C-alpha atoms as a PDB file:
ATOM      1  CA  MET A   1      73.276  62.348  -7.134  1.00  0.00           C
ATOM      2  CA  GLY A   2      71.030  60.012  -8.930  1.00  0.00           C
ATOM      3  CA  GLU A   3      69.120  57.141  -7.541  1.00  0.00           C
ATOM      4  CA  GLU A   4      69.743  54.010  -9.481  1.00  0.00           C
ATOM      5  CA  GLU A   5      66.805  51.802 -10.177  1.00  0.00           C
ATOM      6  CA  PRO A   6      67.365  48.201  -9.175  1.00  0.00           C
ATOM      7  CA  LYS A   7      67.544  45.786 -12.059  1.00  0.00           C
ATOM      8  CA  LYS A   8      64.458  43.661 -12.457  1.00  0.00           C
ATOM      9  CA  LYS A   9      65.031  39.963 -12.606  1.00  0.00           C
ATOM     10  CA  ARG A  10      63.610  38.302 -15.653  1.00  0.00           C
ATOM     11  CA  VAL A  11      61.951  34.978 -14.949  1.00  0.00           C
ATOM     12  CA  VAL A  12      61.800  32.562 -17.828  1.00  0.00           C
ATOM     13  CA  VAL A  13      59.179  29.841 -17.560  1.00  0.00           C
ATOM     14  CA  GLU A  14      59.152  27.086 -20.079  1.00  0.00           C
ATOM     15  CA  SER A  15      55.745  25.704 -21.035  1.00  0.00           C
ATOM     16  CA  LEU A  16      55.352  22.078 -20.148  1.00  0.00           C
ATOM     17  CA  GLY A  17      51.964  21.740 -21.789  1.00  0.00           C
ATOM     18  CA  TRP A  18      49.896  22.627 -18.741  1.00  0.00           C
ATOM     19  CA  LEU A  19      49.556  25.608 -16.522  1.00  0.00           C
ATOM     20  CA  THR A  20      51.000  25.346 -13.082  1.00  0.00           C
ATOM     21  CA  GLU A  21      49.653  28.696 -11.939  1.00  0.00           C
ATOM     22  CA  SER A  22      46.724  30.701 -13.163  1.00  0.00           C
ATOM     23  CA  THR A  23      48.792  33.869 -13.637  1.00  0.00           C
ATOM     24  CA  ILE A  24      51.238  32.336 -16.089  1.00  0.00           C
ATOM     25  CA  MET A  25      50.205  32.682 -19.672  1.00  0.00           C
ATOM     26  CA  PRO A  26      50.975  29.710 -21.898  1.00  0.00           C
ATOM     27  CA  LYS A  27      53.889  30.106 -24.256  1.00  0.00           C
ATOM     28  CA  LYS A  28      53.906  29.200 -27.882  1.00  0.00           C
ATOM     29  CA  HIS A  29      54.057  25.442 -28.329  1.00  0.00           C
ATOM     30  CA  ARG A  30      57.342  24.062 -29.487  1.00  0.00           C
ATOM     31  CA  ALA A  31      57.323  21.543 -32.257  1.00  0.00           C
ATOM     32  CA  ILE A  32      58.354  18.023 -31.262  1.00  0.00           C
ATOM     33  CA  ALA A  33      60.856  16.452 -33.616  1.00  0.00           C
ATOM     34  CA  GLY A  34      59.327  13.610 -35.639  1.00  0.00           C
ATOM     35  CA  VAL A  35      55.716  14.429 -34.783  1.00  0.00           C
ATOM     36  CA  GLY A  36      53.754  16.310 -37.363  1.00  0.00           C
ATOM     37  CA  ALA A  37      50.413  18.057 -37.319  1.00  0.00           C
ATOM     38  CA  SER A  38      48.759  15.100 -39.054  1.00  0.00           C
ATOM     39  CA  SER A  39      49.526  12.732 -36.157  1.00  0.00           C
ATOM     40  CA  ILE A  40      48.094  15.206 -33.644  1.00  0.00           C
ATOM     41  CA  MET A  41      44.944  15.466 -35.769  1.00  0.00           C
ATOM     42  CA  GLU A  42      44.699  11.660 -35.785  1.00  0.00           C
ATOM     43  CA  LEU A  43      44.953  11.595 -31.977  1.00  0.00           C
ATOM     44  CA  LYS A  44      42.287  14.273 -31.621  1.00  0.00           C
ATOM     45  CA  ALA A  45      40.007  12.387 -34.025  1.00  0.00           C
ATOM     46  CA  GLN A  46      40.486   9.156 -32.053  1.00  0.00           C
ATOM     47  CA  LEU A  47      39.734  10.974 -28.776  1.00  0.00           C
ATOM     48  CA  TYR A  48      36.568  12.528 -30.223  1.00  0.00           C
ATOM     49  CA  GLN A  49      35.411   9.154 -31.576  1.00  0.00           C
ATOM     50  CA  SER A  50      35.925   7.405 -28.224  1.00  0.00           C
ATOM     51  CA  GLN A  51      34.023  10.162 -26.408  1.00  0.00           C
ATOM     52  CA  GLU A  52      31.107   9.858 -28.834  1.00  0.00           C
ATOM     53  CA  ASP A  53      31.087   6.058 -28.465  1.00  0.00           C
ATOM     54  CA  SER A  54      30.933   6.313 -24.689  1.00  0.00           C
ATOM     55  CA  LYS A  55      28.051   8.821 -24.896  1.00  0.00           C
ATOM     56  CA  LYS A  56      26.125   6.521 -27.240  1.00  0.00           C
ATOM     57  CA  SER A  57      26.711   3.448 -25.062  1.00  0.00           C
ATOM     58  CA  LYS A  58      25.487   5.328 -21.963  1.00  0.00           C
ATOM     59  CA  ASP A  59      22.374   6.490 -23.830  1.00  0.00           C
ATOM     60  CA  LEU A  60      21.610   2.979 -25.117  1.00  0.00           C
ATOM     61  CA  ALA A  61      22.370   1.193 -21.858  1.00  0.00           C
ATOM     62  CA  GLY A  62      19.592   2.717 -19.799  1.00  0.00           C
ATOM     63  CA  PRO A  63      19.489   3.634 -16.113  1.00  0.00           C
ATOM     64  CA  ASP A  64      19.749   0.081 -14.706  1.00  0.00           C
ATOM     65  CA  ILE A  65      23.253  -0.661 -16.048  1.00  0.00           C
ATOM     66  CA  GLU A  66      26.253   0.022 -13.846  1.00  0.00           C
ATOM     67  CA  PHE A  67      29.611   0.994 -15.282  1.00  0.00           C
ATOM     68  CA  HIS A  68      32.695  -0.372 -13.598  1.00  0.00           C
ATOM     69  CA  ARG A  69      35.752   1.761 -13.251  1.00  0.00           C
ATOM     70  CA  ALA A  70      39.195   0.382 -13.936  1.00  0.00           C
ATOM     71  CA  LYS A  71      40.571   1.200 -10.477  1.00  0.00           C
ATOM     72  CA  LYS A  72      39.253   2.434  -7.196  1.00  0.00           C
ATOM     73  CA  LYS A  73      40.559   5.613  -5.691  1.00  0.00           C
ATOM     74  CA  ILE A  74      43.794   5.041  -3.818  1.00  0.00           C
ATOM     75  CA  THR A  75      43.385   6.225  -0.263  1.00  0.00           C
ATOM     76  CA  ALA A  76      46.087   6.799   2.266  1.00  0.00           C
ATOM     77  CA  HIS A  77      46.669   3.841   4.598  1.00  0.00           C
ATOM     78  CA  ASP A  78      45.612   4.694   8.129  1.00  0.00           C
ATOM     79  CA  ALA A  79      47.925   2.823  10.490  1.00  0.00           C
ATOM     80  CA  PHE A  80      45.715   3.530  13.508  1.00  0.00           C
ATOM     81  CA  SER A  81      42.575   1.945  12.047  1.00  0.00           C
ATOM     82  CA  ALA A  82      44.177  -1.454  11.395  1.00  0.00           C
ATOM     83  CA  LYS A  83      44.263  -3.878  14.310  1.00  0.00           C
ATOM     84  CA  ASN A  84      46.556  -6.790  14.866  1.00  0.00           C
ATOM     85  CA  SER A  85      44.987 -10.194  15.217  1.00  0.00           C
ATOM     86  CA  GLY A  86      44.065 -11.047  18.788  1.00  0.00           C
ATOM     87  CA  VAL A  87      43.957  -7.452  20.054  1.00  0.00           C
ATOM     88  CA  ASP A  88      40.266  -7.620  20.929  1.00  0.00           C
ATOM     89  CA  THR A  89      40.601 -10.957  22.717  1.00  0.00           C
ATOM     90  CA  ARG A  90      43.606  -9.687  24.658  1.00  0.00           C
ATOM     91  CA  ALA A  91      41.734  -6.510  25.635  1.00  0.00           C
ATOM     92  CA  HIS A  92      38.798  -8.608  26.837  1.00  0.00           C
ATOM     93  CA  LYS A  93      41.130 -10.863  28.832  1.00  0.00           C
ATOM     94  CA  ASP A  94      42.830  -7.811  30.388  1.00  0.00           C
ATOM     95  CA  LYS A  95      39.446  -6.346  31.292  1.00  0.00           C
ATOM     96  CA  LEU A  96      38.434  -9.590  33.014  1.00  0.00           C
ATOM     97  CA  GLU A  97      41.734  -9.723  34.905  1.00  0.00           C
ATOM     98  CA  LEU A  98      41.346  -6.118  36.041  1.00  0.00           C
ATOM     99  CA  LYS A  99      37.807  -6.841  37.191  1.00  0.00           C
ATOM    100  CA  ALA A 100      39.044  -9.903  39.096  1.00  0.00           C
ATOM    101  CA  VAL A 101      41.747  -7.846  40.806  1.00  0.00           C
ATOM    102  CA  LYS A 102      39.267  -5.115  41.803  1.00  0.00           C
ATOM    103  CA  ASP A 103      36.743  -7.734  42.879  1.00  0.00           C
ATOM    104  CA  GLY A 104      39.270  -9.638  44.994  1.00  0.00           C
ATOM    105  CA  SER A 105      38.502 -12.958  43.343  1.00  0.00           C
ATOM    106  CA  ALA A 106      41.971 -13.136  41.779  1.00  0.00           C
ATOM    107  CA  SER A 107      43.691 -12.900  45.140  1.00  0.00           C
ATOM    108  CA  TYR A 108      41.153 -15.312  46.607  1.00  0.00           C
ATOM    109  CA  ALA A 109      41.886 -17.830  43.832  1.00  0.00           C
ATOM    110  CA  ALA A 110      45.635 -17.443  44.423  1.00  0.00           C
ATOM    111  CA  LEU A 111      45.094 -18.040  48.123  1.00  0.00           C
ATOM    112  CA  GLU A 112      43.020 -21.145  47.391  1.00  0.00           C
ATOM    113  CA  LYS A 113      45.820 -22.486  45.182  1.00  0.00           C
ATOM    114  CA  LYS A 114      48.340 -21.773  47.902  1.00  0.00           C
ATOM    115  CA  ALA A 115      46.127 -23.510  50.481  1.00  0.00           C
ATOM    116  CA  ALA A 116      45.894 -26.589  48.257  1.00  0.00           C
ATOM    117  CA  LEU A 117      49.680 -26.636  48.012  1.00  0.00           C
ATOM    118  CA  TYR A 118      49.981 -26.341  51.781  1.00  0.00           C
ATOM    119  CA  ASP A 119      47.453 -29.151  52.212  1.00  0.00           C
ATOM    120  CA  LYS A 120      49.662 -31.378  50.069  1.00  0.00           C
ATOM    121  CA  LEU A 121      52.609 -30.460  52.255  1.00  0.00           C
ATOM    122  CA  ALA A 122      50.617 -31.284  55.372  1.00  0.00           C
ATOM    123  CA  LYS A 123      50.042 -34.905  54.368  1.00  0.00           C
ATOM    124  CA  PRO A 124      52.543 -37.271  55.948  1.00  0.00           C
ATOM    125  CA  MET A 125      55.354 -38.157  53.577  1.00  0.00           C
ATOM    126  CA  GLY A 126      56.103 -41.747  52.693  1.00  0.00           C
ATOM    127  CA  LEU A 127      59.568 -43.221  52.880  1.00  0.00           C
ATOM    128  CA  GLY A 128      61.918 -42.028  50.194  1.00  0.00           C
ATOM    129  CA  GLN A 129      59.626 -39.214  49.001  1.00  0.00           C
ATOM    130  CA  ALA A 130      61.274 -36.269  50.690  1.00  0.00           C
ATOM    131  CA  GLY A 131      64.870 -37.298  50.263  1.00  0.00           C
ATOM    132  CA  ALA A 132      65.623 -36.184  53.808  1.00  0.00           C
ATOM    133  CA  THR A 133      64.371 -37.179  57.221  1.00  0.00           C
ATOM    134  CA  TRP A 134      62.296 -34.716  59.218  1.00  0.00           C
ATOM    135  CA  ASP A 135      61.715 -34.584  62.863  1.00  0.00           C
ATOM    136  CA  ASN A 136      58.035 -35.421  63.430  1.00  0.00           C
ATOM    137  CA  ASP A 137      57.419 -32.551  65.909  1.00  0.00           C
ATOM    138  CA  GLU A 138      59.081 -30.024  63.616  1.00  0.00           C
ATOM    139  CA  HIS A 139      56.960 -31.258  60.708  1.00  0.00           C
ATOM    140  CA  LYS A 140      53.762 -30.897  62.741  1.00  0.00           C
ATOM    141  CA  ARG A 141      54.728 -27.369  63.828  1.00  0.00           C
ATOM    142  CA  PHE A 142      55.436 -26.394  60.221  1.00  0.00           C
ATOM    143  CA  VAL A 143      52.090 -27.807  59.067  1.00  0.00           C
ATOM    144  CA  ARG A 144      50.237 -25.935  61.829  1.00  0.00           C
ATOM    145  CA  GLU A 145      51.882 -22.643  60.820  1.00  0.00           C
ATOM    146  CA  VAL A 146      50.953 -23.214  57.185  1.00  0.00           C
ATOM    147  CA  HIS A 147      47.345 -23.960  58.114  1.00  0.00           C
ATOM    148  CA  GLN A 148      47.149 -20.867  60.308  1.00  0.00           C
ATOM    149  CA  GLU A 149      48.490 -18.654  57.534  1.00  0.00           C
ATOM    150  CA  ALA A 150      46.076 -20.155  54.997  1.00  0.00           C
ATOM    151  CA  ASN A 151      43.106 -19.755  57.363  1.00  0.00           C
ATOM    152  CA  GLN A 152      44.046 -16.147  58.129  1.00  0.00           C
ATOM    153  CA  ALA A 153      44.327 -15.394  54.425  1.00  0.00           C
ATOM    154  CA  ARG A 154      40.924 -17.010  53.725  1.00  0.00           C
ATOM    155  CA  GLU A 155      39.322 -15.044  56.566  1.00  0.00           C
ATOM    156  CA  LYS A 156      40.850 -11.804  55.299  1.00  0.00           C
ATOM    157  CA  ALA A 157      39.622 -12.474  51.758  1.00  0.00           C
ATOM    158  CA  SER A 158      36.122 -13.326  52.954  1.00  0.00           C
ATOM    159  CA  GLU A 159      36.062 -10.191  55.168  1.00  0.00           C
ATOM    160  CA  LEU A 160      37.052  -8.085  52.161  1.00  0.00           C
ATOM    161  CA  LYS A 161      34.314  -9.689  50.088  1.00  0.00           C
ATOM    162  CA  VAL A 162      31.686  -9.084  52.779  1.00  0.00           C
ATOM    163  CA  ARG A 163      32.850  -5.471  53.212  1.00  0.00           C
ATOM    164  CA  ARG A 164      32.635  -4.850  49.453  1.00  0.00           C
ATOM    165  CA  GLN A 165      29.159  -6.354  49.346  1.00  0.00           C
ATOM    166  CA  GLU A 166      28.077  -4.125  52.237  1.00  0.00           C
ATOM    167  CA  GLN A 167      29.504  -1.059  50.480  1.00  0.00           C
ATOM    168  CA  ALA A 168      27.699  -1.979  47.262  1.00  0.00           C
ATOM    169  CA  THR A 169      24.435  -2.473  49.165  1.00  0.00           C
ATOM    170  CA  ALA A 170      24.847   0.887  50.917  1.00  0.00           C
ATOM    171  CA  ARG A 171      25.601   2.581  47.575  1.00  0.00           C
ATOM    172  CA  ARG A 172      22.496   1.022  46.006  1.00  0.00           C
ATOM    173  CA  GLU A 173      20.399   2.138  48.964  1.00  0.00           C
ATOM    174  CA  LYS A 174      21.673   5.726  48.660  1.00  0.00           C
ATOM    175  CA  LEU A 175      20.871   5.753  44.944  1.00  0.00           C
ATOM    176  CA  LYS A 176      17.418   4.345  45.652  1.00  0.00           C
ATOM    177  CA  GLN A 177      16.755   7.042  48.270  1.00  0.00           C
ATOM    178  CA  ALA A 178      17.936   9.774  45.895  1.00  0.00           C
ATOM    179  CA  TYR A 179      15.698   8.415  43.139  1.00  0.00           C
ATOM    180  CA  ILE A 180      12.674   8.316  45.477  1.00  0.00           C
ATOM    181  CA  ARG A 181      13.382  11.909  46.614  1.00  0.00           C
ATOM    182  CA  LYS A 182      13.615  13.049  42.987  1.00  0.00           C
ATOM    183  CA  GLN A 183      10.329  11.344  42.104  1.00  0.00           C
ATOM    184  CA  LEU A 184       8.663  12.891  45.158  1.00  0.00           C
ATOM    185  CA  GLU A 185       9.889  16.359  44.132  1.00  0.00           C
ATOM    186  CA  LYS A 186       8.521  15.814  40.608  1.00  0.00           C
ATOM    187  CA  LEU A 187       5.148  14.748  41.995  1.00  0.00           C
ATOM    188  CA  LYS A 188       5.020  17.766  44.325  1.00  0.00           C
ATOM    189  CA  ALA A 189       5.926  20.098  41.454  1.00  0.00           C
ATOM    190  CA  ALA A 190       3.268  18.522  39.224  1.00  0.00           C
ATOM    191  CA  ALA A 191       0.669  18.842  42.001  1.00  0.00           C
ATOM    192  CA  SER A 192       1.539  22.484  42.647  1.00  0.00           C
ATOM    193  CA  ASN A 193       1.333  23.223  38.893  1.00  0.00           C
ATOM    194  CA  LYS A 194      -2.132  21.644  38.775  1.00  0.00           C
ATOM    195  CA  GLU A 195      -3.306  23.744  41.733  1.00  0.00           C
ATOM    196  CA  GLU A 196      -2.023  26.942  40.112  1.00  0.00           C
ATOM    197  CA  THR A 197      -3.868  26.317  36.851  1.00  0.00           C
END
């Protein structure tokens, strides 16, 4: 029969002394127990006096005086901008190690160390140094094998180094040729533009 209108909810907002939204109108101020109008007038008078004093001091001070604030603005701490101590040195060390690995000098240095160790092994041992007796022929065979391995590793490392140098030279030559071609094209274009004008 009849359509019933839905009940409207009534929202009660208590004034806290400031507006939280622009659409809310301020309510009538409630009196605070123990605080009279005279104390509020005293506070307003004190505020007015301090504002006037600050205006006068700024006017008298002149443009060359700086005013210091009590505190700086508190900014959010950015965890990504702060670096731990030693990060830059570690990054530099890692970069050098990576360069050494790409360059082949790290493996070459390791091979040199290994060769020095093998050279120590190759020297004849004095009595009581090894703790065990070795057959002289077996010792010589072992030393020869170690020397062969070390020499092969040195040759391989030097071949790699030479090959890399050749590749770098070829790459530089290609870049040089491309640069010369580009310059030649520019000169031809400039010459043809001069002839046209």
